[in-house]
Amino acid sequence: MKKNLKQMNCSRIAPLFLVAMTVLVTSCSKEENVDGELATSNEEVITATELQYSDEAEMISEEVTTIAEDIYATDEISLTAKADYESDHLPDCVTITTVVTDTTREKTIDFGEGCELPNGNVLSGTIQLSYAKDMTAASKSIALTLKNFTFNGVAVEGSADILRVRSNENGNPQGTANASFNATWPEGDTASFEGTRTREWIEGYGSGFWGDNVFLITGKRTYVGREGNVFVKEVITPLRREMSCRFIVSGVLEISRNDNTASLDFGDGSCDAKGILTQPDGTEVEIFLRRFWKQ
């Protein structure tokens, strides 16, 4: 009887042991999966380094569009106001050539082998513009193309179509650029960015002094980073760019990747190269933007 009892106990214990082990293994697997999901949800949307490259790409696109709108505004004001008008934005090392046809005005903005702008950025190559000859139109399309163009040593290829409105609902000039650019950094890193940005010229239009001009920027773009990651960048609070400062001074940009979203706050209006990056889990870190700038 004792032998049979031992056999019976063993036969009962073995299945119970297997059940317990199964539950333990399943529980561990669930914990591992939960941890993995948490790791994924808490993953950084964008690293500080990638954010710097991304911000530089934005800066290139922004500055190219700024130059194009300044050149166009010079024509617009001079030809519609029937008076001479000059902007002080571009230095003497820039050569501007104008060819007028029956229907268009063609502009070539040549920065030569390297021309330093008042804000310290060094450009080379050309920006080519084309728009309708009639400068009295309320709105107009400006075609922009880059040729052998570099920006602080970054080679940039691409084009943009800018819908220029002389007076928007606020009574301000406005340009909406649908752009696509590819950038190659000197060390070989590459990135691309495309999408639409709207720049409302809210202060300083027509003054001739570039330093008092202020823009509000809105829109949405896709940025493909150096490692092939795709980021969607959308302006949530308009970005304020004061041309007396080299940086965006305020506004909020949302950056999304793999269904996760971070936000970049450019600050309270101070002229600096800093922003606050907030990750999906609420973690905040101060980011130094725009590596082009030297302290």
Protein backbone atom coordinates (compact mmCIF):
# COMPACT_ATOMS: atom_id res chain seq x y z
CA MET A 1 0.00 0.00 0.00
CA LYS A 2 2.80 2.39 0.79
CA LYS A 3 4.36 1.75 -2.62
CA ASN A 4 1.05 2.29 -4.36
CA LEU A 5 0.48 5.46 -2.30
CA LYS A 6 3.87 6.85 -3.32
CA GLN A 7 3.17 6.07 -6.96
CA MET A 8 -0.23 7.76 -6.68
CA ASN A 9 1.28 10.85 -5.03
CA CYS A 10 3.96 11.10 -7.68
CA SER A 11 1.44 10.66 -10.45
CA ARG A 12 -0.60 13.53 -8.97
CA ILE A 13 2.35 15.82 -8.22
CA ALA A 14 3.89 15.55 -11.69
CA PRO A 15 0.93 17.10 -13.55
CA LEU A 16 0.63 19.80 -10.90
CA PHE A 17 4.32 20.60 -11.30
CA LEU A 18 3.94 20.85 -15.06
CA VAL A 19 0.95 23.16 -14.68
CA ALA A 20 2.87 25.37 -12.26
CA MET A 21 5.85 25.55 -14.59
CA THR A 22 3.58 26.39 -17.53
CA VAL A 23 1.96 29.21 -15.56
CA LEU A 24 5.38 30.51 -14.49
CA VAL A 25 6.79 30.43 -18.02
CA THR A 26 3.65 32.10 -19.42
CA SER A 27 3.79 34.75 -16.70
CA CYS A 28 7.44 35.47 -17.45
CA SER A 29 6.69 35.70 -21.16
CA LYS A 30 3.89 38.16 -20.49
CA GLU A 31 6.17 40.25 -18.30
CA GLU A 32 8.81 40.23 -21.03
CA ASN A 33 6.22 41.27 -23.63
CA VAL A 34 4.92 44.03 -21.37
CA ASP A 35 8.45 45.25 -20.78
CA GLY A 36 9.07 45.15 -24.51
CA GLU A 37 5.91 47.12 -25.21
CA LEU A 38 6.84 49.66 -22.58
CA ALA A 39 10.32 49.95 -24.07
CA THR A 40 8.78 50.57 -27.49
CA SER A 41 6.28 53.14 -26.20
CA ASN A 42 9.01 54.94 -24.26
CA GLU A 43 11.46 54.86 -27.14
CA GLU A 44 12.86 58.23 -28.16
CA VAL A 45 11.02 59.57 -31.17
CA ILE A 46 14.14 61.42 -32.29
CA THR A 47 17.63 61.65 -30.81
CA ALA A 48 19.34 64.93 -30.01
CA THR A 49 21.87 64.39 -32.80
CA GLU A 50 19.23 63.57 -35.42
CA LEU A 51 17.22 66.57 -34.26
CA GLN A 52 20.21 68.81 -34.95
CA TYR A 53 20.52 67.47 -38.49
CA SER A 54 16.78 67.84 -38.95
CA ASP A 55 16.84 71.43 -37.71
CA GLU A 56 19.73 72.27 -40.02
CA ALA A 57 17.71 70.91 -42.94
CA GLU A 58 14.82 73.14 -41.91
CA MET A 59 17.19 76.09 -41.65
CA ILE A 60 18.47 75.53 -45.19
CA SER A 61 14.96 75.38 -46.63
CA GLU A 62 13.88 78.40 -44.58
CA GLU A 63 16.84 80.55 -45.64
CA VAL A 64 16.49 79.63 -49.33
CA THR A 65 12.80 80.54 -49.22
CA THR A 66 13.59 83.78 -47.39
CA ILE A 67 16.05 84.84 -50.09
CA ALA A 68 13.56 84.00 -52.85
CA GLU A 69 10.79 86.01 -51.20
CA ASP A 70 13.11 88.96 -50.60
CA ILE A 71 14.13 89.05 -54.26
CA TYR A 72 10.52 88.79 -55.35
CA ALA A 73 9.43 91.51 -52.90
CA THR A 74 12.10 93.83 -54.30
CA ASP A 75 10.59 93.44 -57.77
CA GLU A 76 7.04 93.71 -56.48
CA ILE A 77 7.59 96.91 -54.51
CA SER A 78 9.78 98.58 -57.12
CA LEU A 79 7.48 97.84 -60.06
CA THR A 80 4.13 98.47 -58.38
CA ALA A 81 5.11 101.48 -56.27
CA LYS A 82 6.84 103.14 -59.25
CA ALA A 83 9.82 103.92 -57.04
CA ASP A 84 13.31 102.57 -56.52
CA TYR A 85 13.51 100.02 -53.75
CA GLU A 86 16.44 98.00 -52.47
CA SER A 87 16.74 95.44 -49.69
CA ASP A 88 19.88 95.19 -47.59
CA HIS A 89 19.50 91.44 -47.09
CA LEU A 90 22.09 90.22 -49.62
CA PRO A 91 25.74 91.40 -49.60
CA ASP A 92 27.75 92.70 -52.55
CA CYS A 93 29.28 89.26 -53.18
CA VAL A 94 25.90 88.10 -54.56
CA THR A 95 25.28 88.69 -58.27
CA ILE A 96 21.64 88.92 -59.42
CA THR A 97 20.88 88.56 -63.13
CA THR A 98 17.41 89.31 -64.54
CA VAL A 99 16.08 88.16 -67.90
CA VAL A 100 12.63 89.46 -68.90
CA THR A 101 10.66 87.65 -71.59
CA ASP A 102 7.24 88.41 -73.00
CA THR A 103 5.58 86.57 -70.12
CA THR A 104 8.12 85.89 -67.36
CA ARG A 105 10.86 87.32 -65.18
CA GLU A 106 13.82 84.96 -64.72
CA LYS A 107 16.20 85.60 -61.83
CA THR A 108 19.59 83.98 -61.19
CA ILE A 109 20.99 84.63 -57.71
CA ASP A 110 24.66 83.69 -57.85
CA PHE A 111 26.69 83.23 -54.67
CA GLY A 112 29.87 82.33 -56.56
CA GLU A 113 32.36 80.00 -54.89
CA GLY A 114 31.27 81.17 -51.45
CA CYS A 115 29.49 84.26 -50.18
CA GLU A 116 28.86 85.03 -46.51
CA LEU A 117 25.48 86.52 -45.65
CA PRO A 118 25.03 89.06 -42.84
CA ASN A 119 23.77 86.27 -40.57
CA GLY A 120 27.03 84.32 -41.00
CA ASN A 121 25.78 81.57 -43.31
CA VAL A 122 28.04 80.87 -46.28
CA LEU A 123 26.35 79.96 -49.58
CA SER A 124 27.71 78.97 -52.98
CA GLY A 125 26.14 78.11 -56.34
CA THR A 126 22.88 79.58 -57.58
CA ILE A 127 19.20 79.95 -56.76
CA GLN A 128 17.08 80.31 -59.89
CA LEU A 129 13.64 81.91 -59.82
CA SER A 130 10.93 82.21 -62.44
CA TYR A 131 7.58 83.99 -62.17
CA ALA A 132 5.03 85.80 -64.32
CA LYS A 133 6.01 89.21 -65.66
CA ASP A 134 2.85 90.96 -64.43
CA MET A 135 3.68 92.19 -60.93
CA THR A 136 0.20 93.58 -60.24
CA ALA A 137 -1.40 90.14 -59.80
CA ALA A 138 -2.84 89.47 -56.33
CA SER A 139 -1.26 86.01 -56.27
CA LYS A 140 1.51 84.40 -58.23
CA SER A 141 3.48 81.17 -58.47
CA ILE A 142 7.27 81.36 -58.09
CA ALA A 143 9.34 78.42 -59.35
CA LEU A 144 12.60 77.91 -57.43
CA THR A 145 15.49 75.64 -58.46
CA LEU A 146 18.92 75.10 -56.89
CA LYS A 147 22.02 74.55 -59.02
CA ASN A 148 25.43 73.48 -57.67
CA PHE A 149 24.22 74.88 -54.37
CA THR A 150 25.86 74.52 -50.95
CA PHE A 151 24.87 75.92 -47.57
CA ASN A 152 27.65 76.02 -44.97
CA GLY A 153 29.32 73.14 -46.80
CA VAL A 154 26.11 71.07 -47.10
CA ALA A 155 25.33 70.21 -50.73
CA VAL A 156 21.64 70.76 -51.46
CA GLU A 157 19.60 69.70 -54.48
CA GLY A 158 15.93 70.28 -55.14
CA SER A 159 13.19 72.70 -56.04
CA ALA A 160 10.11 74.45 -54.69
CA ASP A 161 6.93 76.05 -55.92
CA ILE A 162 5.95 79.10 -53.89
CA LEU A 163 2.42 80.48 -54.04
CA ARG A 164 2.87 84.14 -53.27
CA VAL A 165 -0.11 86.16 -52.02
CA ARG A 166 0.29 89.91 -51.77
CA SER A 167 -2.30 90.27 -49.02
CA ASN A 168 -3.77 87.40 -46.98
CA GLU A 169 -6.78 87.54 -44.66
CA ASN A 170 -4.67 89.51 -42.17
CA GLY A 171 -3.55 91.98 -44.82
CA ASN A 172 0.02 90.61 -44.87
CA PRO A 173 2.16 89.19 -47.69
CA GLN A 174 2.36 85.41 -47.55
CA GLY A 175 4.24 82.65 -49.33
CA THR A 176 3.30 78.96 -49.27
CA ALA A 177 6.19 76.79 -50.43
CA ASN A 178 5.75 73.20 -51.56
CA ALA A 179 9.38 72.06 -51.49
CA SER A 180 11.49 68.94 -51.96
CA PHE A 181 15.21 69.00 -51.11
CA ASN A 182 18.02 66.49 -50.64
CA ALA A 183 21.02 67.38 -48.47
CA THR A 184 24.48 65.81 -48.22
CA TRP A 185 26.76 66.81 -45.35
CA PRO A 186 30.56 66.99 -45.82
CA GLU A 187 31.05 63.80 -43.79
CA GLY A 188 28.74 61.91 -46.17
CA ASP A 189 25.50 61.87 -44.17
CA THR A 190 22.38 62.42 -46.27
CA ALA A 191 18.80 63.46 -45.56
CA SER A 192 15.74 64.54 -47.48
CA PHE A 193 12.81 66.75 -46.61
CA GLU A 194 9.62 67.66 -48.43
CA GLY A 195 6.24 69.16 -47.73
CA THR A 196 4.52 72.51 -47.37
CA ARG A 197 5.36 75.52 -45.24
CA THR A 198 3.51 78.84 -45.12
CA ARG A 199 5.40 82.01 -44.15
CA GLU A 200 3.34 85.07 -43.23
CA TRP A 201 5.34 88.31 -43.36
CA ILE A 202 3.89 90.07 -40.29
CA GLU A 203 6.37 92.92 -39.74
CA GLY A 204 8.86 94.99 -41.74
CA TYR A 205 7.59 94.47 -45.28
CA GLY A 206 8.78 97.28 -47.54
CA SER A 207 11.04 98.96 -44.99
CA GLY A 208 14.23 98.09 -46.87
CA PHE A 209 15.87 97.11 -43.59
CA TRP A 210 15.97 93.33 -43.31
CA GLY A 211 16.61 93.29 -39.57
CA ASP A 212 13.08 94.45 -38.67
CA ASN A 213 11.31 91.72 -40.64
CA VAL A 214 9.31 89.08 -38.76
CA PHE A 215 7.66 85.93 -40.11
CA LEU A 216 5.19 83.39 -38.70
CA ILE A 217 5.69 79.88 -40.09
CA THR A 218 3.15 77.03 -40.23
CA GLY A 219 2.88 73.76 -42.15
CA LYS A 220 3.79 70.08 -42.28
CA ARG A 221 6.77 68.24 -43.74
CA THR A 222 8.30 64.78 -43.97
CA TYR A 223 11.96 64.37 -43.05
CA VAL A 224 13.95 61.22 -43.86
CA GLY A 225 16.95 61.13 -41.54
CA ARG A 226 20.50 59.86 -41.93
CA GLU A 227 19.59 56.33 -40.86
CA GLY A 228 16.50 56.11 -43.06
CA ASN A 229 13.97 56.87 -40.31
CA VAL A 230 10.92 58.80 -41.48
CA PHE A 231 9.72 61.71 -39.33
CA VAL A 232 6.59 63.80 -39.82
CA LYS A 233 7.07 67.35 -38.57
CA GLU A 234 4.02 69.55 -38.07
CA VAL A 235 3.82 73.06 -36.65
CA ILE A 236 1.30 73.16 -33.78
CA THR A 237 1.96 76.72 -32.59
CA PRO A 238 3.25 79.09 -35.32
CA LEU A 239 7.03 79.40 -35.36
CA ARG A 240 8.19 83.00 -35.01
CA ARG A 241 11.28 83.99 -36.97
CA GLU A 242 12.69 87.46 -36.34
CA MET A 243 15.36 88.27 -38.92
CA SER A 244 17.37 90.20 -36.33
CA CYS A 245 17.99 86.75 -34.78
CA ARG A 246 19.47 83.70 -36.47
CA PHE A 247 17.03 81.34 -34.80
CA ILE A 248 13.35 80.63 -34.43
CA VAL A 249 12.48 82.34 -31.16
CA SER A 250 9.14 80.71 -30.25
CA GLY A 251 6.54 78.20 -31.37
CA VAL A 252 5.96 74.45 -31.06
CA LEU A 253 6.79 71.71 -33.56
CA GLU A 254 5.45 68.15 -33.26
CA ILE A 255 7.69 65.32 -34.50
CA SER A 256 6.17 61.88 -35.12
CA ARG A 257 7.72 58.48 -35.89
CA ASN A 258 6.22 54.98 -35.64
CA ASP A 259 2.97 56.31 -34.12
CA ASN A 260 4.87 58.06 -31.32
CA THR A 261 4.99 61.85 -31.09
CA ALA A 262 7.41 64.24 -29.40
CA SER A 263 7.23 68.02 -29.25
CA LEU A 264 9.89 70.69 -29.65
CA ASP A 265 9.26 74.03 -27.95
CA PHE A 266 11.46 76.83 -29.31
CA GLY A 267 11.04 79.02 -26.24
CA ASP A 268 9.57 82.29 -25.04
CA GLY A 269 11.01 84.68 -27.60
CA SER A 270 14.66 84.75 -26.52
CA CYS A 271 17.23 84.76 -29.31
CA ASP A 272 19.10 81.52 -28.68
CA ALA A 273 19.77 78.14 -30.29
CA LYS A 274 17.95 76.14 -27.63
CA GLY A 275 14.71 74.21 -27.48
CA ILE A 276 12.90 71.87 -25.09
CA LEU A 277 12.29 68.39 -26.51
CA THR A 278 9.49 66.43 -24.79
CA GLN A 279 9.34 62.68 -25.47
CA PRO A 280 6.06 60.65 -25.40
CA ASP A 281 6.61 59.61 -21.76
CA GLY A 282 6.86 63.26 -20.69
CA THR A 283 10.65 63.32 -20.37
CA GLU A 284 11.98 66.81 -21.13
CA VAL A 285 15.49 67.71 -22.21
CA GLU A 286 17.05 70.97 -23.34
CA ILE A 287 18.44 70.64 -26.87
CA PHE A 288 21.10 72.79 -28.47
CA LEU A 289 19.95 73.26 -32.07
CA ARG A 290 21.65 74.27 -35.30
CA ARG A 291 25.24 73.09 -35.22
CA PHE A 292 26.05 75.76 -37.82
CA TRP A 293 25.99 78.33 -35.04
CA LYS A 294 29.13 78.86 -32.97
CA GLN A 295 28.99 80.22 -29.42
